[in-house]
Amino acid sequence: MTICFKTTKWRFSLRQVGFLDDSPDPSPIPQDIMAMVQSAHDVLVAEWDKRYPENPVPGTGKESDEDD
């Protein structure tokens, strides 16, 4: 998912629960925003899985079982 502020964008991985890029530096993101992202992680994953059913977040029980 992407966190945007004015013209700055940070890519945040719902799979790895961390930022995908070293730049831009994520330290300017307010702690209350990051706390909200962390506390709402399950909801964000569920919404991602609904929007992108062909690319679900692993561990949600919705990924395909192609290897079975």
Protein backbone atom coordinates (compact mmCIF):
# COMPACT_ATOMS: atom_id res chain seq x y z
CA MET A 1 0.00 0.00 0.00
CA THR A 2 1.10 3.60 -0.41
CA ILE A 3 1.17 6.29 2.26
CA CYS A 4 0.98 9.75 0.65
CA PHE A 5 1.69 13.22 2.02
CA LYS A 6 1.66 16.12 -0.43
CA THR A 7 4.03 14.93 -3.19
CA THR A 8 5.88 12.33 -1.09
CA LYS A 9 4.88 8.67 -1.29
CA TRP A 10 6.07 5.75 0.81
CA ARG A 11 5.42 2.15 -0.27
CA PHE A 12 4.52 -0.05 2.70
CA SER A 13 4.46 -3.84 2.41
CA LEU A 14 1.48 -5.58 3.99
CA ARG A 15 3.34 -8.87 3.49
CA GLN A 16 6.63 -7.89 5.16
CA VAL A 17 5.06 -5.25 7.44
CA GLY A 18 7.69 -2.68 6.57
CA PHE A 19 8.71 -0.09 4.01
CA LEU A 20 9.73 -1.33 0.58
CA ASP A 21 12.16 1.47 -0.24
CA ASP A 22 15.05 3.20 1.55
CA SER A 23 14.08 6.50 -0.03
CA PRO A 24 12.19 8.59 0.83
CA ASP A 25 13.05 8.29 4.50
CA PRO A 26 9.89 7.22 6.38
CA SER A 27 10.86 9.05 9.61
CA PRO A 28 8.69 12.12 8.77
CA ILE A 29 5.54 9.96 8.94
CA PRO A 30 3.83 10.80 12.25
CA GLN A 31 3.88 8.02 14.84
CA ASP A 32 0.07 8.13 15.17
CA ILE A 33 -0.24 7.33 11.46
CA MET A 34 2.15 4.39 11.78
CA ALA A 35 0.31 3.19 14.91
CA MET A 36 -2.95 3.28 12.95
CA VAL A 37 -1.41 1.31 10.07
CA GLN A 38 -0.09 -1.31 12.48
CA SER A 39 -3.32 -1.59 14.46
CA ALA A 40 -5.41 -1.80 11.28
CA HIS A 41 -3.09 -4.30 9.54
CA ASP A 42 -5.69 -7.10 9.51
CA VAL A 43 -8.33 -4.78 8.05
CA LEU A 44 -5.91 -3.45 5.44
CA VAL A 45 -4.95 -7.01 4.43
CA ALA A 46 -8.63 -8.02 4.16
CA GLU A 47 -9.37 -5.00 1.98
CA TRP A 48 -6.31 -5.72 -0.18
CA ASP A 49 -7.43 -9.33 -0.62
CA LYS A 50 -10.93 -8.17 -1.64
CA ARG A 51 -9.59 -5.68 -4.15
CA TYR A 52 -6.87 -7.96 -5.54
CA PRO A 53 -8.16 -11.55 -5.15
CA GLU A 54 -5.60 -12.77 -7.70
CA ASN A 55 -2.76 -11.44 -5.49
CA PRO A 56 -3.72 -12.07 -1.83
CA VAL A 57 -1.41 -11.43 1.09
CA PRO A 58 0.09 -14.80 2.18
CA GLY A 59 -1.12 -16.13 5.50
CA THR A 60 -4.71 -14.96 5.04
CA GLY A 61 -5.92 -18.39 3.92
CA LYS A 62 -6.87 -17.05 0.50
CA GLU A 63 -3.69 -17.80 -1.43
CA SER A 64 -3.92 -20.54 -4.03
CA ASP A 65 -2.75 -24.07 -3.30
CA GLU A 66 -1.03 -24.67 -6.66
CA ASP A 67 1.65 -26.91 -5.11
CA ASP A 68 -0.87 -29.36 -3.56
